[in-house]
Protein backbone atom coordinates (compact mmCIF):
# COMPACT_ATOMS: atom_id res chain seq x y z
CA MET A 1 55.83 27.37 -16.95
CA ALA A 2 54.12 24.62 -18.98
CA THR A 3 50.35 24.42 -19.36
CA THR A 4 47.83 21.63 -19.83
CA LYS A 5 47.90 22.23 -23.59
CA ASP A 6 51.69 21.78 -23.62
CA TYR A 7 51.34 18.33 -22.07
CA GLY A 8 48.54 17.40 -24.49
CA LEU A 9 46.34 16.05 -21.73
CA GLY A 10 42.95 16.73 -23.25
CA GLU A 11 40.12 19.16 -23.91
CA TYR A 12 39.92 20.79 -20.50
CA THR A 13 42.40 23.10 -18.80
CA TYR A 14 41.59 21.84 -15.30
CA PRO A 15 40.78 18.25 -14.37
CA ARG A 16 37.67 16.57 -13.04
CA GLY A 17 37.81 15.31 -9.46
CA TRP A 18 37.78 16.02 -5.73
CA PHE A 19 40.27 18.69 -4.65
CA MET A 20 41.29 20.08 -1.29
CA VAL A 21 40.68 23.81 -0.90
CA ALA A 22 41.22 24.44 2.83
CA GLU A 23 41.83 22.95 6.24
CA SER A 24 38.52 22.53 8.05
CA ALA A 25 39.77 24.28 11.20
CA LYS A 26 40.55 27.42 9.21
CA VAL A 27 37.07 27.77 7.70
CA VAL A 28 35.03 29.98 10.05
CA ASP A 29 32.01 32.30 9.93
CA LYS A 30 33.99 34.97 8.12
CA PRO A 31 34.26 34.78 4.33
CA GLN A 32 37.70 34.06 2.95
CA ALA A 33 38.86 34.42 -0.62
CA VAL A 34 40.45 31.39 -2.24
CA HIS A 35 41.80 31.05 -5.77
CA PHE A 36 41.80 27.72 -7.59
CA PHE A 37 41.19 26.52 -11.16
CA GLY A 38 42.04 29.98 -12.43
CA GLN A 39 39.14 31.66 -10.63
CA GLU A 40 38.10 33.33 -7.39
CA PHE A 41 35.81 31.79 -4.77
CA ALA A 42 34.26 32.85 -1.46
CA LEU A 43 34.52 30.21 1.26
CA TYR A 44 32.86 30.32 4.68
CA ARG A 45 31.24 28.28 7.43
CA GLY A 46 27.62 29.13 8.18
CA LYS A 47 26.25 29.47 11.69
CA SER A 48 24.91 25.90 11.46
CA GLY A 49 28.44 24.63 10.78
CA ARG A 50 27.79 24.07 7.08
CA VAL A 51 30.69 24.87 4.75
CA VAL A 52 29.73 26.91 1.68
CA LEU A 53 31.81 27.60 -1.43
CA LEU A 54 30.50 30.13 -3.95
CA ASP A 55 31.81 31.88 -7.03
CA ALA A 56 33.29 35.07 -5.64
CA TYR A 57 31.43 37.85 -7.44
CA CYS A 58 28.05 39.40 -6.71
CA PRO A 59 25.84 39.47 -9.86
CA HIS A 60 24.61 42.98 -8.95
CA MET A 61 27.78 44.98 -9.69
CA GLY A 62 30.58 42.44 -9.60
CA THR A 63 31.75 42.95 -6.02
CA HIS A 64 34.04 40.31 -4.52
CA LEU A 65 32.17 38.78 -1.59
CA ALA A 66 35.28 37.88 0.41
CA ARG A 67 37.85 40.58 -0.29
CA ASN A 68 36.63 43.40 1.93
CA THR A 69 37.41 44.33 5.54
CA THR A 70 36.38 48.00 5.73
CA SER A 71 32.68 48.13 4.84
CA TYR A 72 30.34 47.91 7.81
CA VAL A 73 28.80 44.76 6.38
CA ALA A 74 32.23 43.14 6.69
CA GLN A 75 32.97 44.70 10.07
CA ASP A 76 29.61 43.73 11.59
CA GLY A 77 29.76 40.22 10.13
CA ALA A 78 28.82 39.26 6.58
CA ILE A 79 27.56 35.79 7.58
CA GLU A 80 23.94 35.52 8.76
CA ASP A 81 22.76 32.00 9.54
CA ASP A 82 24.16 30.15 6.52
CA CYS A 83 23.84 33.19 4.23
CA ILE A 84 26.40 35.77 3.10
CA ARG A 85 25.93 39.49 2.44
CA CYS A 86 27.70 41.43 -0.27
CA PRO A 87 29.92 44.11 1.31
CA TYR A 88 28.91 46.73 -1.29
CA HIS A 89 25.10 46.88 -1.24
CA ALA A 90 24.26 44.16 1.32
CA TRP A 91 22.46 41.81 -1.02
CA ARG A 92 22.11 38.53 0.84
CA PHE A 93 22.70 35.12 -0.76
CA GLY A 94 21.74 31.77 0.68
CA PRO A 95 23.95 28.65 0.68
CA ASP A 96 22.11 27.67 -2.51
CA GLY A 97 23.53 30.79 -4.16
CA LYS A 98 20.14 32.51 -4.61
CA CYS A 99 19.65 36.08 -3.47
CA ASN A 100 17.00 36.10 -0.72
CA GLU A 101 17.09 39.75 0.35
CA ILE A 102 17.85 43.15 -1.17
CA PRO A 103 17.45 45.43 1.87
CA TYR A 104 16.69 48.70 0.06
CA SER A 105 14.39 47.33 -2.68
CA SER A 106 10.69 46.53 -2.36
CA GLY A 107 10.50 45.03 -5.84
CA PRO A 108 10.86 41.38 -6.77
CA ILE A 109 14.28 39.78 -6.65
CA PRO A 110 15.43 39.05 -10.21
CA PRO A 111 15.70 35.31 -10.99
CA SER A 112 19.22 35.94 -12.27
CA ALA A 113 20.30 37.24 -8.85
CA LYS A 114 22.18 34.07 -7.98
CA ILE A 115 25.74 32.85 -7.66
CA LYS A 116 27.11 29.43 -8.61
CA THR A 117 27.59 27.14 -5.64
CA TRP A 118 30.01 24.22 -5.46
CA LYS A 119 29.64 20.75 -4.00
CA VAL A 120 31.93 20.44 -0.99
CA GLN A 121 32.70 17.68 1.49
CA GLU A 122 34.58 17.81 4.77
CA TYR A 123 37.01 14.92 4.77
CA MET A 124 39.85 14.03 7.13
CA GLY A 125 40.12 17.52 8.58
CA ALA A 126 39.94 19.28 5.22
CA VAL A 127 37.40 20.77 2.83
CA PHE A 128 37.23 19.21 -0.64
CA VAL A 129 35.36 20.55 -3.66
CA TRP A 130 34.06 18.58 -6.62
CA HIS A 131 35.32 20.22 -9.82
CA ASP A 132 34.01 19.04 -13.20
CA PRO A 133 34.35 21.00 -16.46
CA GLU A 134 31.25 19.13 -17.70
CA GLY A 135 29.22 20.11 -14.65
CA GLY A 136 28.45 16.51 -13.73
CA GLU A 137 27.98 14.82 -10.38
CA PRO A 138 30.92 13.01 -8.71
CA ASP A 139 31.83 9.77 -10.46
CA TYR A 140 33.90 8.47 -7.55
CA VAL A 141 33.87 8.84 -3.77
CA LEU A 142 36.59 9.83 -1.35
CA PRO A 143 37.87 6.69 0.40
CA VAL A 144 37.39 5.93 4.07
CA VAL A 145 40.53 5.74 6.21
CA PRO A 146 39.35 4.05 9.44
CA GLU A 147 42.49 5.11 11.32
CA TRP A 148 41.43 8.78 11.11
CA THR A 149 38.83 8.16 13.83
CA ASP A 150 40.74 5.45 15.75
CA PRO A 151 41.73 6.81 19.20
CA ALA A 152 44.99 4.83 19.06
CA TRP A 153 46.16 6.85 16.06
CA VAL A 154 47.44 10.43 16.05
CA CYS A 155 46.01 12.66 13.33
CA GLY A 156 48.44 15.41 12.49
CA SER A 157 47.69 18.96 11.46
CA TYR A 158 48.18 19.89 7.81
CA ASP A 159 51.50 21.28 6.67
CA ASP A 160 50.50 24.16 4.39
CA LEU A 161 53.15 24.18 1.68
CA GLY A 162 51.63 26.93 -0.44
CA VAL A 163 51.90 27.42 -4.19
CA VAL A 164 54.49 25.70 -6.35
CA ASN A 165 54.80 26.82 -9.95
CA VAL A 166 54.66 23.45 -11.69
CA HIS A 167 51.86 21.78 -13.59
CA PRO A 168 50.22 18.97 -11.55
CA GLN A 169 51.44 16.48 -14.16
CA GLU A 170 54.95 16.87 -12.71
CA ALA A 171 53.70 15.81 -9.26
CA ILE A 172 51.66 12.92 -10.66
CA ASP A 173 54.76 11.59 -12.47
CA ASN A 174 56.18 10.67 -9.07
CA ILE A 175 53.76 7.73 -8.72
CA THR A 176 55.49 5.80 -11.52
CA ASP A 177 59.03 7.07 -11.01
CA ALA A 178 60.79 3.87 -10.03
CA ALA A 179 64.32 5.20 -10.55
CA HIS A 180 64.24 8.32 -8.34
CA PHE A 181 64.07 6.57 -4.96
CA GLY A 182 67.79 5.92 -4.72
CA PRO A 183 69.19 9.29 -5.88
CA VAL A 184 66.56 11.43 -4.11
CA HIS A 185 65.59 9.46 -0.98
CA GLY A 186 68.56 7.15 -0.51
CA SER A 187 66.35 4.08 -0.97
CA ARG A 188 67.62 0.62 -1.77
CA THR A 189 64.51 -0.47 -3.63
CA LYS A 190 63.72 -4.18 -3.27
CA PHE A 191 60.39 -4.19 -5.08
CA PHE A 192 58.29 -1.73 -7.07
CA GLU A 193 55.11 -1.94 -9.14
CA ASN A 194 52.18 0.12 -10.35
CA GLU A 195 48.56 -0.85 -10.78
CA PHE A 196 45.99 1.12 -12.80
CA ARG A 197 42.26 0.69 -12.07
CA GLY A 198 39.68 3.28 -13.12
CA HIS A 199 40.20 6.53 -11.22
CA ARG A 200 43.02 5.02 -9.08
CA VAL A 201 46.67 4.32 -9.65
CA VAL A 202 48.69 2.43 -7.03
CA GLN A 203 52.41 2.31 -6.34
CA ARG A 204 53.74 -0.52 -4.19
CA MET A 205 57.32 -0.14 -3.05
CA GLY A 206 59.66 -1.51 -0.42
CA GLY A 207 63.26 -0.93 0.53
CA GLY A 208 65.55 1.19 2.65
CA HIS A 209 65.04 4.93 3.02
CA ARG A 210 67.73 7.21 4.47
CA THR A 211 65.23 9.95 5.36
CA LEU A 212 62.55 7.80 7.04
CA ILE A 213 64.44 4.71 8.23
CA ALA A 214 67.73 4.63 10.12
CA GLU A 215 70.60 2.64 8.61
CA GLY A 216 70.07 -1.02 9.44
CA GLY A 217 66.44 -0.45 10.46
CA PRO A 218 63.34 -2.26 9.21
CA MET A 219 62.37 -2.22 5.55
CA LEU A 220 60.09 0.66 4.59
CA VAL A 221 56.99 -0.72 2.85
CA THR A 222 54.54 1.67 1.19
CA GLU A 223 51.35 1.43 -0.82
CA ALA A 224 50.61 4.82 -2.33
CA THR A 225 47.30 5.38 -4.12
CA TYR A 226 46.11 8.36 -6.09
CA HIS A 227 42.35 8.59 -5.70
CA GLY A 228 41.54 10.73 -8.71
CA PRO A 229 43.92 13.43 -9.93
CA SER A 230 44.88 15.12 -6.67
CA LEU A 231 44.61 13.06 -3.46
CA LEU A 232 47.50 10.76 -2.60
CA LEU A 233 47.09 8.41 0.37
CA THR A 234 50.06 6.25 1.32
CA ARG A 235 49.94 3.41 3.83
CA MET A 236 53.42 3.09 5.31
CA SER A 237 55.07 0.61 7.65
CA GLY A 238 58.61 0.80 8.92
CA LEU A 239 59.56 2.88 11.92
CA TYR A 240 55.84 3.41 12.70
CA ASP A 241 52.62 2.35 11.02
CA SER A 242 51.26 5.48 9.38
CA TRP A 243 49.32 7.10 6.55
CA ILE A 244 50.75 9.96 4.51
CA VAL A 245 48.16 12.40 3.14
CA ILE A 246 49.19 14.66 0.25
CA ALA A 247 46.75 16.87 -1.63
CA HIS A 248 47.46 19.25 -4.48
CA THR A 249 44.99 21.52 -6.27
CA PRO A 250 45.48 23.57 -9.45
CA VAL A 251 45.71 27.29 -8.74
CA ASP A 252 46.25 28.51 -12.29
CA ASP A 253 47.19 26.59 -15.41
CA GLY A 254 50.70 25.52 -14.48
CA SER A 255 50.69 25.92 -10.68
CA ILE A 256 49.40 23.94 -7.70
CA TYR A 257 48.71 24.45 -4.00
CA VAL A 258 50.04 21.63 -1.81
CA TRP A 259 49.22 20.23 1.64
CA HIS A 260 50.84 17.38 3.60
CA ASN A 261 49.71 15.44 6.68
CA LEU A 262 50.48 12.24 8.58
CA ILE A 263 48.40 9.80 10.63
CA VAL A 264 50.54 7.72 13.00
CA LYS A 265 49.68 4.67 15.11
CA SER A 266 50.46 5.16 18.80
CA PRO A 267 54.26 4.80 19.03
CA THR A 268 53.90 3.67 22.67
CA GLY A 269 51.23 1.10 21.86
CA SER A 270 48.52 2.92 23.83
CA ALA A 271 44.89 2.17 23.05
CA VAL A 272 44.29 5.92 23.27
CA ALA A 273 47.01 8.22 21.97
CA THR A 274 48.88 10.11 24.69
CA ASP A 275 50.78 13.39 24.71
CA GLU A 276 53.97 11.35 24.34
CA ASP A 277 52.47 9.65 21.26
CA ARG A 278 51.61 13.02 19.78
CA LEU A 279 55.15 14.25 20.36
CA HIS A 280 56.63 11.20 18.59
CA ALA A 281 54.06 11.45 15.80
CA ARG A 282 54.90 15.11 15.16
CA GLY A 283 58.57 14.20 14.92
CA TYR A 284 57.77 11.46 12.41
CA GLN A 285 55.59 13.85 10.42
CA ASP A 286 58.54 16.22 10.23
CA MET A 287 60.64 13.34 8.87
CA ALA A 288 57.95 12.50 6.29
CA LEU A 289 57.74 16.17 5.32
CA ALA A 290 61.52 16.24 4.88
CA ALA A 291 61.21 13.25 2.53
CA PHE A 292 58.45 14.98 0.57
CA ALA A 293 60.54 18.16 0.46
CA GLN A 294 63.18 16.20 -1.42
CA ASP A 295 60.65 15.68 -4.24
CA PHE A 296 59.25 19.17 -3.83
CA GLU A 297 62.60 20.84 -4.39
CA VAL A 298 63.08 18.97 -7.66
CA TRP A 299 59.63 19.94 -8.93
CA LYS A 300 60.13 23.63 -8.10
CA HIS A 301 63.32 23.99 -10.13
CA LYS A 302 63.04 21.49 -12.97
CA ARG A 303 62.31 22.26 -16.60
CA PRO A 304 58.82 21.01 -17.56
CA ASN A 305 58.95 17.36 -18.62
CA VAL A 306 56.65 17.82 -21.59
CA GLN A 307 58.30 15.08 -23.62
CA GLY A 308 60.60 12.87 -21.56
CA LEU A 309 63.51 10.80 -22.86
CA TYR A 310 62.55 7.54 -21.11
CA VAL A 311 64.68 4.39 -20.88
CA GLN A 312 64.12 0.89 -19.60
CA GLY A 313 63.77 0.92 -15.80
CA ASP A 314 62.32 4.44 -15.53
CA GLY A 315 58.76 3.30 -14.82
CA ALA A 316 55.37 3.34 -16.54
CA PHE A 317 55.37 7.08 -17.27
CA GLN A 318 53.56 6.87 -20.59
CA LYS A 319 50.76 4.69 -19.23
CA GLN A 320 50.44 6.90 -16.17
CA ARG A 321 50.04 9.98 -18.34
CA LYS A 322 47.31 8.27 -20.34
CA TRP A 323 45.62 7.32 -17.08
CA TYR A 324 45.90 10.92 -15.83
CA SER A 325 44.45 12.32 -19.07
CA GLN A 326 41.05 10.79 -18.29
CA PHE A 327 40.40 13.69 -15.90
CA TYR A 328 40.99 16.28 -18.66
CA ASN A 329 38.57 14.77 -21.17
CA PRO A 330 34.83 14.15 -21.46
CA ARG A 331 33.81 10.95 -19.69
CA THR A 332 32.61 9.51 -22.98
CA LYS A 333 36.17 9.58 -24.29
CA THR A 334 37.95 8.16 -21.27
CA ALA A 335 35.69 5.11 -21.02
CA ALA A 336 37.20 3.79 -24.25
CA LEU A 337 40.76 4.69 -23.26
CA LEU A 338 41.28 3.11 -19.85
CA PRO A 339 40.71 -0.62 -20.55
CA GLN A 340 43.70 -0.57 -22.91
CA PHE A 341 46.20 -0.50 -20.04
CA GLU A 342 44.47 -1.35 -16.76
CA GLY A 343 46.33 -3.78 -14.52
CA ILE A 344 49.86 -4.28 -13.21
CA GLN A 345 52.67 -2.39 -14.90
CA GLY A 346 56.42 -2.45 -14.38
CA ALA A 347 56.47 -5.10 -11.64
CA ARG A 348 59.95 -6.02 -10.49
CA GLY A 349 61.33 -7.84 -7.48
CA LEU A 350 57.88 -8.42 -6.03
CA ASP A 351 59.08 -11.61 -4.33
CA ALA A 352 60.70 -9.31 -1.74
CA ALA A 353 57.32 -7.85 -0.78
CA PRO A 354 55.43 -8.94 2.34
CA GLN A 355 53.01 -11.78 1.58
CA GLU A 356 49.91 -9.62 2.01
CA MET A 357 51.14 -7.24 -0.69
CA ARG A 358 51.77 -9.97 -3.25
CA ASP A 359 48.05 -10.42 -3.66
CA THR A 360 47.66 -7.67 -6.23
CA GLY A 361 43.96 -8.41 -6.60
CA SER A 362 43.43 -5.98 -3.73
CA LEU A 363 44.02 -2.38 -4.72
CA SER A 364 44.59 -1.16 -1.18
CA ARG A 365 43.51 -1.46 2.39
CA LEU A 366 41.18 1.50 2.11
CA GLU A 367 37.45 1.15 2.53
CA VAL A 368 35.59 2.70 -0.36
CA ALA A 369 32.13 3.89 0.68
């Protein structure tokens, strides 16, 4: 299993960015343990509905706040308002991470009785955390997908794909892999290009697709955009208008946790999605998941591509890896790196693209808040 150091990405083991850590519907008023970025966290939803993510261990004696079911604190409910109690000695911590009650002590609460809290945002049915080795504030925002709240579109539930033991670099490589569409997905690629801009990289592609489009059907046209190092949003037209949502988050150095979802425009044309629309949309999500599984199976069993033997026609792998390295380095370093290769890379056959996609001055049809 290769590590960040093996790939030579930069100073930090884990990247800077927004990362999915849970489905919103699964975060309730009971603490759950989650493990990302090589460390343990306690995740819960307070009584007000606020989602809280804390470092997992109580500063008193090192107790894990979310890995206990037998103490009476856990049995009676460790969440009070938006606070959480330690299952060992019942110290209570607020959503700001500060201890606000030690039930058996009349003395002052030590200033060091606090736990690190993490900036989280609920987004498209999921909980995202801002992770930054430098401890800075977010330097980009999660994009707005208007279709998520459009009643004519069906929002799927997340396919929880679990842990895959590959470094995230192997998943990111897919965005510039022009040559894999035919062998893996049965595509007859008519056009393909990448565009690099700041924290985003875009892949525009069109052609046939044996998994998602029936033989002789319409051309599959996609615009896939990585927003930072982990969130891939793909606008897709073909059988149905849809958005693919893929999120992956480092678990340990060399492994990722992966989720998949699909947003589908009403297949029946209804202004408000019906049960029939939801049935069709779920079937299409299963097809999209099958297509993703074709990539997934390769990643799970391949040797780490630490130093690839690239040839003409492969795609802009080297530029993509430089782009990706910005998230593993101090911001002061990446500012000087990115302008060297921003813009269109590896364009070919773009005259086959729909007219609206030939205007490469527009990165995507997403609204950035």
